[in-house]
Amino acid sequence: MSKPKATKKNIHYGAVRSAEELGRLVRAHRKSRQLTLEIVSGLGNLSPRFLSEFERGKETAEIGKALKALQTLGLEVIIQPRGGSGRNPAPSTFKDEEGTNE
C-alpha cells in the first residue's frame, strides 16, 4: 500500500521543537512541490547527501546550510516566544538592550 502524497493541505506548518520535526516538515514541503533532492541540491548549491540528512533530522546539520535549504524551498524561520502569536519586528527594526539596531 503506498503512502498518501504530501500536499500543502495536509502539511502542518508551525512550531518545530526538534531536528527530526523540522526535517519531516521540510521533506513534506519539498515533496508537495514535486521537487527531488537533486533539483533542490542544484537550486541551492547544496549536496543531495546534506539535504537527505537534514530531512532525516540529523542533529548536527550546519545551521547555515539548513537556512539555505529552507530559503531555496521558499520557507523561513520566525523566532518568537513560545505561545506567542503574530510576527515580531523585522530584523532591521529590532532594537537590542541598548536600543541600537542589531
PDB file of N, CA and C in Angstrom:
ATOM      1  N   MET A   1       0.846  -1.171   0.000  1.00  0.00           N
ATOM      2  CA  MET A   1       0.000   0.000   0.000  1.00  0.00           C
ATOM      3  C   MET A   1       0.893   1.236   0.000  1.00  0.00           C
ATOM      4  N   SER A   2       0.640   2.186  -0.894  1.00  0.00           N
ATOM      5  CA  SER A   2       1.507   3.352  -0.996  1.00  0.00           C
ATOM      6  C   SER A   2       1.087   4.441  -0.013  1.00  0.00           C
ATOM      7  N   LYS A   3       2.063   5.278   0.356  1.00  0.00           N
ATOM      8  CA  LYS A   3       1.801   6.391   1.259  1.00  0.00           C
ATOM      9  C   LYS A   3       1.041   7.474   0.511  1.00  0.00           C
ATOM     10  N   PRO A   4       0.170   8.229   1.210  1.00  0.00           N
ATOM     11  CA  PRO A   4      -0.501   9.333   0.533  1.00  0.00           C
ATOM     12  C   PRO A   4       0.516  10.410   0.172  1.00  0.00           C
ATOM     13  N   LYS A   5       0.314  11.048  -0.976  1.00  0.00           N
ATOM     14  CA  LYS A   5       1.217  12.112  -1.396  1.00  0.00           C
ATOM     15  C   LYS A   5       1.047  13.315  -0.484  1.00  0.00           C
ATOM     16  N   ALA A   6       2.167  13.978  -0.194  1.00  0.00           N
ATOM     17  CA  ALA A   6       2.106  15.196   0.609  1.00  0.00           C
ATOM     18  C   ALA A   6       1.512  16.310  -0.240  1.00  0.00           C
ATOM     19  N   THR A   7       0.554  17.004   0.324  1.00  0.00           N
ATOM     20  CA  THR A   7       0.005  18.185  -0.330  1.00  0.00           C
ATOM     21  C   THR A   7       0.064  19.320   0.672  1.00  0.00           C
ATOM     22  N   LYS A   8       0.019  20.548   0.176  1.00  0.00           N
ATOM     23  CA  LYS A   8       0.074  21.680   1.091  1.00  0.00           C
ATOM     24  C   LYS A   8      -1.090  21.653   2.068  1.00  0.00           C
ATOM     25  N   LYS A   9      -2.193  21.000   1.690  1.00  0.00           N
ATOM     26  CA  LYS A   9      -3.360  20.928   2.563  1.00  0.00           C
ATOM     27  C   LYS A   9      -3.096  20.078   3.803  1.00  0.00           C
ATOM     28  N   ASN A  10      -2.275  19.023   3.690  1.00  0.00           N
ATOM     29  CA  ASN A  10      -2.073  18.158   4.850  1.00  0.00           C
ATOM     30  C   ASN A  10      -0.720  18.352   5.526  1.00  0.00           C
ATOM     31  N   ILE A  11      -0.003  19.402   5.187  1.00  0.00           N
ATOM     32  CA  ILE A  11       1.251  19.723   5.869  1.00  0.00           C
ATOM     33  C   ILE A  11       0.921  20.656   7.025  1.00  0.00           C
ATOM     34  N   HIS A  12       1.387  20.310   8.205  1.00  0.00           N
ATOM     35  CA  HIS A  12       1.107  21.118   9.389  1.00  0.00           C
ATOM     36  C   HIS A  12       2.292  22.036   9.670  1.00  0.00           C
ATOM     37  N   TYR A  13       2.259  23.231   9.072  1.00  0.00           N
ATOM     38  CA  TYR A  13       3.304  24.217   9.305  1.00  0.00           C
ATOM     39  C   TYR A  13       3.105  24.799  10.698  1.00  0.00           C
ATOM     40  N   GLY A  14       4.189  25.175  11.337  1.00  0.00           N
ATOM     41  CA  GLY A  14       4.066  25.785  12.652  1.00  0.00           C
ATOM     42  C   GLY A  14       5.292  25.510  13.490  1.00  0.00           C
ATOM     43  N   ALA A  15       5.084  25.494  14.788  1.00  0.00           N
ATOM     44  CA  ALA A  15       6.181  25.331  15.733  1.00  0.00           C
ATOM     45  C   ALA A  15       6.897  24.004  15.510  1.00  0.00           C
ATOM     46  N   VAL A  16       8.214  24.077  15.565  1.00  0.00           N
ATOM     47  CA  VAL A  16       9.076  22.903  15.412  1.00  0.00           C
ATOM     48  C   VAL A  16       9.957  22.840  16.648  1.00  0.00           C
ATOM     49  N   ARG A  17      10.026  21.664  17.266  1.00  0.00           N
ATOM     50  CA  ARG A  17      10.778  21.553  18.513  1.00  0.00           C
ATOM     51  C   ARG A  17      11.935  20.568  18.462  1.00  0.00           C
ATOM     52  N   SER A  18      12.191  20.008  17.279  1.00  0.00           N
ATOM     53  CA  SER A  18      13.327  19.094  17.167  1.00  0.00           C
ATOM     54  C   SER A  18      13.826  19.081  15.728  1.00  0.00           C
ATOM     55  N   ALA A  19      15.053  18.620  15.572  1.00  0.00           N
ATOM     56  CA  ALA A  19      15.633  18.493  14.229  1.00  0.00           C
ATOM     57  C   ALA A  19      14.811  17.511  13.403  1.00  0.00           C
ATOM     58  N   GLU A  20      14.310  16.465  14.049  1.00  0.00           N
ATOM     59  CA  GLU A  20      13.502  15.469  13.348  1.00  0.00           C
ATOM     60  C   GLU A  20      12.197  16.078  12.826  1.00  0.00           C
ATOM     61  N   GLU A  21      11.525  16.877  13.653  1.00  0.00           N
ATOM     62  CA  GLU A  21      10.288  17.542  13.218  1.00  0.00           C
ATOM     63  C   GLU A  21      10.560  18.490  12.056  1.00  0.00           C
ATOM     64  N   LEU A  22      11.640  19.254  12.149  1.00  0.00           N
ATOM     65  CA  LEU A  22      11.993  20.185  11.080  1.00  0.00           C
ATOM     66  C   LEU A  22      12.254  19.426   9.788  1.00  0.00           C
ATOM     67  N   GLY A  23      13.013  18.367   9.868  1.00  0.00           N
ATOM     68  CA  GLY A  23      13.313  17.570   8.688  1.00  0.00           C
ATOM     69  C   GLY A  23      12.074  16.993   8.036  1.00  0.00           C
ATOM     70  N   ARG A  24      11.168  16.461   8.866  1.00  0.00           N
ATOM     71  CA  ARG A  24       9.911  15.906   8.330  1.00  0.00           C
ATOM     72  C   ARG A  24       9.093  16.972   7.616  1.00  0.00           C
ATOM     73  N   LEU A  25       9.024  18.157   8.207  1.00  0.00           N
ATOM     74  CA  LEU A  25       8.269  19.256   7.616  1.00  0.00           C
ATOM     75  C   LEU A  25       8.893  19.704   6.298  1.00  0.00           C
ATOM     76  N   VAL A  26      10.215  19.827   6.281  1.00  0.00           N
ATOM     77  CA  VAL A  26      10.920  20.234   5.064  1.00  0.00           C
ATOM     78  C   VAL A  26      10.712  19.195   3.962  1.00  0.00           C
ATOM     79  N   ARG A  27      10.832  17.920   4.298  1.00  0.00           N
ATOM     80  CA  ARG A  27      10.628  16.863   3.297  1.00  0.00           C
ATOM     81  C   ARG A  27       9.200  16.899   2.745  1.00  0.00           C
ATOM     82  N   ALA A  28       8.214  17.044   3.614  1.00  0.00           N
ATOM     83  CA  ALA A  28       6.821  17.097   3.155  1.00  0.00           C
ATOM     84  C   ALA A  28       6.599  18.296   2.239  1.00  0.00           C
ATOM     85  N   HIS A  29       7.184  19.438   2.596  1.00  0.00           N
ATOM     86  CA  HIS A  29       7.048  20.640   1.763  1.00  0.00           C
ATOM     87  C   HIS A  29       7.701  20.426   0.399  1.00  0.00           C
ATOM     88  N   ARG A  30       8.910  19.872   0.406  1.00  0.00           N
ATOM     89  CA  ARG A  30       9.618  19.623  -0.861  1.00  0.00           C
ATOM     90  C   ARG A  30       8.802  18.694  -1.754  1.00  0.00           C
ATOM     91  N   LYS A  31       8.301  17.625  -1.171  1.00  0.00           N
ATOM     92  CA  LYS A  31       7.535  16.658  -1.962  1.00  0.00           C
ATOM     93  C   LYS A  31       6.221  17.253  -2.459  1.00  0.00           C
ATOM     94  N   SER A  32       5.609  18.131  -1.659  1.00  0.00           N
ATOM     95  CA  SER A  32       4.355  18.759  -2.095  1.00  0.00           C
ATOM     96  C   SER A  32       4.579  19.653  -3.307  1.00  0.00           C
ATOM     97  N   ARG A  33       5.805  20.140  -3.453  1.00  0.00           N
ATOM     98  CA  ARG A  33       6.162  20.960  -4.618  1.00  0.00           C
ATOM     99  C   ARG A  33       6.729  20.104  -5.748  1.00  0.00           C
ATOM    100  N   GLN A  34       6.707  18.790  -5.547  1.00  0.00           N
ATOM    101  CA  GLN A  34       7.184  17.818  -6.531  1.00  0.00           C
ATOM    102  C   GLN A  34       8.638  18.076  -6.938  1.00  0.00           C
ATOM    103  N   LEU A  35       9.462  18.364  -5.927  1.00  0.00           N
ATOM    104  CA  LEU A  35      10.889  18.592  -6.149  1.00  0.00           C
ATOM    105  C   LEU A  35      11.681  17.409  -5.614  1.00  0.00           C
ATOM    106  N   THR A  36      12.675  16.978  -6.364  1.00  0.00           N
ATOM    107  CA  THR A  36      13.560  15.912  -5.909  1.00  0.00           C
ATOM    108  C   THR A  36      14.709  16.523  -5.115  1.00  0.00           C
ATOM    109  N   LEU A  37      15.412  15.672  -4.376  1.00  0.00           N
ATOM    110  CA  LEU A  37      16.612  16.140  -3.672  1.00  0.00           C
ATOM    111  C   LEU A  37      17.609  16.719  -4.662  1.00  0.00           C
ATOM    112  N   GLU A  38      17.723  16.101  -5.823  1.00  0.00           N
ATOM    113  CA  GLU A  38      18.691  16.551  -6.827  1.00  0.00           C
ATOM    114  C   GLU A  38      18.341  17.941  -7.353  1.00  0.00           C
ATOM    115  N   ILE A  39      17.055  18.210  -7.559  1.00  0.00           N
ATOM    116  CA  ILE A  39      16.645  19.537  -8.036  1.00  0.00           C
ATOM    117  C   ILE A  39      16.955  20.593  -6.982  1.00  0.00           C
ATOM    118  N   VAL A  40      16.570  20.343  -5.743  1.00  0.00           N
ATOM    119  CA  VAL A  40      16.826  21.306  -4.668  1.00  0.00           C
ATOM    120  C   VAL A  40      18.322  21.478  -4.470  1.00  0.00           C
ATOM    121  N   SER A  41      19.059  20.398  -4.583  1.00  0.00           N
ATOM    122  CA  SER A  41      20.513  20.449  -4.473  1.00  0.00           C
ATOM    123  C   SER A  41      21.093  21.429  -5.486  1.00  0.00           C
ATOM    124  N   GLY A  42      20.658  21.310  -6.731  1.00  0.00           N
ATOM    125  CA  GLY A  42      21.155  22.199  -7.778  1.00  0.00           C
ATOM    126  C   GLY A  42      20.733  23.639  -7.573  1.00  0.00           C
ATOM    127  N   LEU A  43      19.484  23.852  -7.165  1.00  0.00           N
ATOM    128  CA  LEU A  43      18.978  25.214  -6.961  1.00  0.00           C
ATOM    129  C   LEU A  43      19.679  25.914  -5.802  1.00  0.00           C
ATOM    130  N   GLY A  44      19.979  25.158  -4.750  1.00  0.00           N
ATOM    131  CA  GLY A  44      20.563  25.753  -3.551  1.00  0.00           C
ATOM    132  C   GLY A  44      22.052  25.562  -3.406  1.00  0.00           C
ATOM    133  N   ASN A  45      22.676  24.910  -4.398  1.00  0.00           N
ATOM    134  CA  ASN A  45      24.107  24.617  -4.321  1.00  0.00           C
ATOM    135  C   ASN A  45      24.437  23.869  -3.021  1.00  0.00           C
ATOM    136  N   LEU A  46      23.618  22.860  -2.730  1.00  0.00           N
ATOM    137  CA  LEU A  46      23.790  22.010  -1.555  1.00  0.00           C
ATOM    138  C   LEU A  46      23.878  20.566  -2.028  1.00  0.00           C
ATOM    139  N   SER A  47      24.594  19.734  -1.301  1.00  0.00           N
ATOM    140  CA  SER A  47      24.719  18.342  -1.740  1.00  0.00           C
ATOM    141  C   SER A  47      23.437  17.566  -1.432  1.00  0.00           C
ATOM    142  N   PRO A  48      23.080  16.619  -2.297  1.00  0.00           N
ATOM    143  CA  PRO A  48      21.917  15.769  -2.008  1.00  0.00           C
ATOM    144  C   PRO A  48      22.082  15.032  -0.674  1.00  0.00           C
ATOM    145  N   ARG A  49      23.313  14.654  -0.348  1.00  0.00           N
ATOM    146  CA  ARG A  49      23.562  13.961   0.923  1.00  0.00           C
ATOM    147  C   ARG A  49      23.196  14.855   2.104  1.00  0.00           C
ATOM    148  N   PHE A  50      23.638  16.130   2.072  1.00  0.00           N
ATOM    149  CA  PHE A  50      23.291  17.047   3.159  1.00  0.00           C
ATOM    150  C   PHE A  50      21.773  17.167   3.279  1.00  0.00           C
ATOM    151  N   LEU A  51      21.106  17.393   2.143  1.00  0.00           N
ATOM    152  CA  LEU A  51      19.651  17.564   2.165  1.00  0.00           C
ATOM    153  C   LEU A  51      18.954  16.330   2.731  1.00  0.00           C
ATOM    154  N   SER A  52      19.412  15.159   2.335  1.00  0.00           N
ATOM    155  CA  SER A  52      18.830  13.918   2.831  1.00  0.00           C
ATOM    156  C   SER A  52      19.013  13.797   4.344  1.00  0.00           C
ATOM    157  N   GLU A  53      20.208  14.086   4.829  1.00  0.00           N
ATOM    158  CA  GLU A  53      20.480  14.006   6.270  1.00  0.00           C
ATOM    159  C   GLU A  53      19.664  15.047   7.034  1.00  0.00           C
ATOM    160  N   PHE A  54      19.560  16.248   6.477  1.00  0.00           N
ATOM    161  CA  PHE A  54      18.769  17.320   7.086  1.00  0.00           C
ATOM    162  C   PHE A  54      17.306  16.886   7.204  1.00  0.00           C
ATOM    163  N   GLU A  55      16.767  16.321   6.142  1.00  0.00           N
ATOM    164  CA  GLU A  55      15.378  15.871   6.149  1.00  0.00           C
ATOM    165  C   GLU A  55      15.152  14.694   7.094  1.00  0.00           C
ATOM    166  N   ARG A  56      16.193  13.942   7.377  1.00  0.00           N
ATOM    167  CA  ARG A  56      16.072  12.822   8.325  1.00  0.00           C
ATOM    168  C   ARG A  56      16.283  13.276   9.767  1.00  0.00           C
ATOM    169  N   GLY A  57      16.524  14.574   9.965  1.00  0.00           N
ATOM    170  CA  GLY A  57      16.634  15.112  11.316  1.00  0.00           C
ATOM    171  C   GLY A  57      18.007  15.033  11.936  1.00  0.00           C
ATOM    172  N   LYS A  58      19.055  15.024  11.108  1.00  0.00           N
ATOM    173  CA  LYS A  58      20.414  14.957  11.649  1.00  0.00           C
ATOM    174  C   LYS A  58      20.643  16.142  12.589  1.00  0.00           C
ATOM    175  N   GLU A  59      20.969  15.834  13.825  1.00  0.00           N
ATOM    176  CA  GLU A  59      21.146  16.850  14.869  1.00  0.00           C
ATOM    177  C   GLU A  59      22.291  17.814  14.590  1.00  0.00           C
ATOM    178  N   THR A  60      23.304  17.357  13.870  1.00  0.00           N
ATOM    179  CA  THR A  60      24.490  18.189  13.667  1.00  0.00           C
ATOM    180  C   THR A  60      24.507  18.888  12.308  1.00  0.00           C
ATOM    181  N   ALA A  61      23.351  19.004  11.656  1.00  0.00           N
ATOM    182  CA  ALA A  61      23.297  19.709  10.368  1.00  0.00           C
ATOM    183  C   ALA A  61      23.757  21.152  10.566  1.00  0.00           C
ATOM    184  N   GLU A  62      24.583  21.637   9.644  1.00  0.00           N
ATOM    185  CA  GLU A  62      25.092  23.007   9.739  1.00  0.00           C
ATOM    186  C   GLU A  62      23.951  23.996   9.583  1.00  0.00           C
ATOM    187  N   ILE A  63      23.856  24.945  10.519  1.00  0.00           N
ATOM    188  CA  ILE A  63      22.748  25.892  10.520  1.00  0.00           C
ATOM    189  C   ILE A  63      22.723  26.744   9.248  1.00  0.00           C
ATOM    190  N   GLY A  64      23.882  27.159   8.757  1.00  0.00           N
ATOM    191  CA  GLY A  64      23.925  27.970   7.541  1.00  0.00           C
ATOM    192  C   GLY A  64      23.370  27.221   6.343  1.00  0.00           C
ATOM    193  N   LYS A  65      23.750  25.962   6.222  1.00  0.00           N
ATOM    194  CA  LYS A  65      23.241  25.142   5.115  1.00  0.00           C
ATOM    195  C   LYS A  65      21.753  24.861   5.287  1.00  0.00           C
ATOM    196  N   ALA A  66      21.332  24.632   6.525  1.00  0.00           N
ATOM    197  CA  ALA A  66      19.914  24.376   6.784  1.00  0.00           C
ATOM    198  C   ALA A  66      19.083  25.598   6.404  1.00  0.00           C
ATOM    199  N   LEU A  67      19.555  26.786   6.763  1.00  0.00           N
ATOM    200  CA  LEU A  67      18.840  28.011   6.402  1.00  0.00           C
ATOM    201  C   LEU A  67      18.806  28.201   4.891  1.00  0.00           C
ATOM    202  N   LYS A  68      19.898  27.857   4.227  1.00  0.00           N
ATOM    203  CA  LYS A  68      19.944  27.957   2.767  1.00  0.00           C
ATOM    204  C   LYS A  68      18.939  26.996   2.137  1.00  0.00           C
ATOM    205  N   ALA A  69      18.833  25.796   2.674  1.00  0.00           N
ATOM    206  CA  ALA A  69      17.860  24.822   2.169  1.00  0.00           C
ATOM    207  C   ALA A  69      16.438  25.346   2.351  1.00  0.00           C
ATOM    208  N   LEU A  70      16.151  25.910   3.524  1.00  0.00           N
ATOM    209  CA  LEU A  70      14.823  26.468   3.773  1.00  0.00           C
ATOM    210  C   LEU A  70      14.510  27.591   2.791  1.00  0.00           C
ATOM    211  N   GLN A  71      15.476  28.480   2.590  1.00  0.00           N
ATOM    212  CA  GLN A  71      15.287  29.594   1.665  1.00  0.00           C
ATOM    213  C   GLN A  71      15.050  29.081   0.244  1.00  0.00           C
ATOM    214  N   THR A  72      15.810  28.099  -0.169  1.00  0.00           N
ATOM    215  CA  THR A  72      15.664  27.525  -1.508  1.00  0.00           C
ATOM    216  C   THR A  72      14.258  26.973  -1.712  1.00  0.00           C
ATOM    217  N   LEU A  73      13.673  26.427  -0.655  1.00  0.00           N
ATOM    218  CA  LEU A  73      12.332  25.848  -0.737  1.00  0.00           C
ATOM    219  C   LEU A  73      11.220  26.865  -0.474  1.00  0.00           C
ATOM    220  N   GLY A  74      11.598  28.125  -0.253  1.00  0.00           N
ATOM    221  CA  GLY A  74      10.590  29.153  -0.012  1.00  0.00           C
ATOM    222  C   GLY A  74      10.042  29.146   1.403  1.00  0.00           C
ATOM    223  N   LEU A  75      10.831  28.641   2.345  1.00  0.00           N
ATOM    224  CA  LEU A  75      10.434  28.600   3.748  1.00  0.00           C
ATOM    225  C   LEU A  75      11.271  29.602   4.530  1.00  0.00           C
ATOM    226  N   GLU A  76      10.809  29.979   5.719  1.00  0.00           N
ATOM    227  CA  GLU A  76      11.558  30.906   6.556  1.00  0.00           C
ATOM    228  C   GLU A  76      11.466  30.482   8.012  1.00  0.00           C
ATOM    229  N   VAL A  77      12.386  30.995   8.807  1.00  0.00           N
ATOM    230  CA  VAL A  77      12.389  30.742  10.241  1.00  0.00           C
ATOM    231  C   VAL A  77      11.916  32.015  10.926  1.00  0.00           C
ATOM    232  N   ILE A  78      10.958  31.884  11.817  1.00  0.00           N
ATOM    233  CA  ILE A  78      10.468  33.012  12.603  1.00  0.00           C
ATOM    234  C   ILE A  78      10.687  32.655  14.063  1.00  0.00           C
ATOM    235  N   ILE A  79      11.389  33.508  14.781  1.00  0.00           N
ATOM    236  CA  ILE A  79      11.670  33.263  16.196  1.00  0.00           C
ATOM    237  C   ILE A  79      10.726  34.124  17.024  1.00  0.00           C
ATOM    238  N   GLN A  80      10.030  33.491  17.955  1.00  0.00           N
ATOM    239  CA  GLN A  80       9.138  34.222  18.844  1.00  0.00           C
ATOM    240  C   GLN A  80       9.029  33.455  20.150  1.00  0.00           C
ATOM    241  N   PRO A  81       8.609  34.114  21.219  1.00  0.00           N
ATOM    242  CA  PRO A  81       8.435  33.405  22.479  1.00  0.00           C
ATOM    243  C   PRO A  81       7.401  32.292  22.322  1.00  0.00           C
ATOM    244  N   ARG A  82       7.570  31.218  23.048  1.00  0.00           N
ATOM    245  CA  ARG A  82       6.594  30.120  22.995  1.00  0.00           C
ATOM    246  C   ARG A  82       5.206  30.651  23.316  1.00  0.00           C
ATOM    247  N   GLY A  83       4.256  30.136  22.575  1.00  0.00           N
ATOM    248  CA  GLY A  83       2.874  30.546  22.798  1.00  0.00           C
ATOM    249  C   GLY A  83       2.556  31.907  22.219  1.00  0.00           C
ATOM    250  N   GLY A  84       3.563  32.576  21.625  1.00  0.00           N
ATOM    251  CA  GLY A  84       3.343  33.896  21.040  1.00  0.00           C
ATOM    252  C   GLY A  84       2.557  33.792  19.759  1.00  0.00           C
ATOM    253  N   SER A  85       1.959  34.881  19.389  1.00  0.00           N
ATOM    254  CA  SER A  85       1.248  34.907  18.116  1.00  0.00           C
ATOM    255  C   SER A  85       1.691  36.131  17.341  1.00  0.00           C
ATOM    256  N   GLY A  86       1.543  36.068  16.045  1.00  0.00           N
ATOM    257  CA  GLY A  86       1.953  37.184  15.216  1.00  0.00           C
ATOM    258  C   GLY A  86       3.445  37.190  15.003  1.00  0.00           C
ATOM    259  N   ARG A  87       3.905  38.204  14.315  1.00  0.00           N
ATOM    260  CA  ARG A  87       5.319  38.302  13.981  1.00  0.00           C
ATOM    261  C   ARG A  87       5.959  39.420  14.776  1.00  0.00           C
ATOM    262  N   ASN A  88       7.191  39.215  15.140  1.00  0.00           N
ATOM    263  CA  ASN A  88       7.968  40.249  15.805  1.00  0.00           C
ATOM    264  C   ASN A  88       8.464  41.242  14.772  1.00  0.00           C
ATOM    265  N   PRO A  89       9.008  42.383  15.215  1.00  0.00           N
ATOM    266  CA  PRO A  89       9.519  43.360  14.248  1.00  0.00           C
ATOM    267  C   PRO A  89      10.564  42.752  13.328  1.00  0.00           C
ATOM    268  N   ALA A  90      10.637  43.282  12.131  1.00  0.00           N
ATOM    269  CA  ALA A  90      11.652  42.841  11.174  1.00  0.00           C
ATOM    270  C   ALA A  90      13.029  43.105  11.749  1.00  0.00           C
ATOM    271  N   PRO A  91      14.044  42.299  11.370  1.00  0.00           N
ATOM    272  CA  PRO A  91      15.390  42.470  11.922  1.00  0.00           C
ATOM    273  C   PRO A  91      15.924  43.890  11.805  1.00  0.00           C
ATOM    274  N   SER A  92      15.591  44.604  10.743  1.00  0.00           N
ATOM    275  CA  SER A  92      16.127  45.955  10.567  1.00  0.00           C
ATOM    276  C   SER A  92      15.553  46.929  11.589  1.00  0.00           C
ATOM    277  N   THR A  93      14.418  46.591  12.229  1.00  0.00           N
ATOM    278  CA  THR A  93      13.829  47.483  13.218  1.00  0.00           C
ATOM    279  C   THR A  93      13.992  46.961  14.639  1.00  0.00           C
ATOM    280  N   PHE A  94      14.648  45.803  14.786  1.00  0.00           N
ATOM    281  CA  PHE A  94      14.854  45.209  16.098  1.00  0.00           C
ATOM    282  C   PHE A  94      15.874  46.026  16.875  1.00  0.00           C
ATOM    283  N   LYS A  95      15.570  46.320  18.121  1.00  0.00           N
ATOM    284  CA  LYS A  95      16.490  47.054  18.993  1.00  0.00           C
ATOM    285  C   LYS A  95      17.027  46.105  20.055  1.00  0.00           C
ATOM    286  N   ASP A  96      18.331  46.181  20.288  1.00  0.00           N
ATOM    287  CA  ASP A  96      18.899  45.355  21.349  1.00  0.00           C
ATOM    288  C   ASP A  96      18.674  46.058  22.686  1.00  0.00           C
ATOM    289  N   GLU A  97      19.255  45.528  23.764  1.00  0.00           N
ATOM    290  CA  GLU A  97      19.040  46.091  25.098  1.00  0.00           C
ATOM    291  C   GLU A  97      19.496  47.536  25.213  1.00  0.00           C
ATOM    292  N   GLU A  98      20.486  47.936  24.419  1.00  0.00           N
ATOM    293  CA  GLU A  98      20.975  49.306  24.454  1.00  0.00           C
ATOM    294  C   GLU A  98      20.163  50.223  23.543  1.00  0.00           C
ATOM    295  N   GLY A  99      19.185  49.668  22.826  1.00  0.00           N
ATOM    296  CA  GLY A  99      18.351  50.468  21.950  1.00  0.00           C
ATOM    297  C   GLY A  99      18.943  50.712  20.578  1.00  0.00           C
ATOM    298  N   THR A 100      19.993  49.954  20.224  1.00  0.00           N
ATOM    299  CA  THR A 100      20.589  50.124  18.902  1.00  0.00           C
ATOM    300  C   THR A 100      20.155  48.990  18.004  1.00  0.00           C
ATOM    301  N   ASN A 101      20.189  49.233  16.703  1.00  0.00           N
ATOM    302  CA  ASN A 101      19.824  48.183  15.753  1.00  0.00           C
ATOM    303  C   ASN A 101      20.876  47.101  15.752  1.00  0.00           C
ATOM    304  N   GLU A 102      20.448  45.882  15.674  1.00  0.00           N
ATOM    305  CA  GLU A 102      21.353  44.731  15.569  1.00  0.00           C
ATOM    306  C   GLU A 102      21.672  44.496  14.129  1.00  0.00           C
TER     307      GLU A 102
END
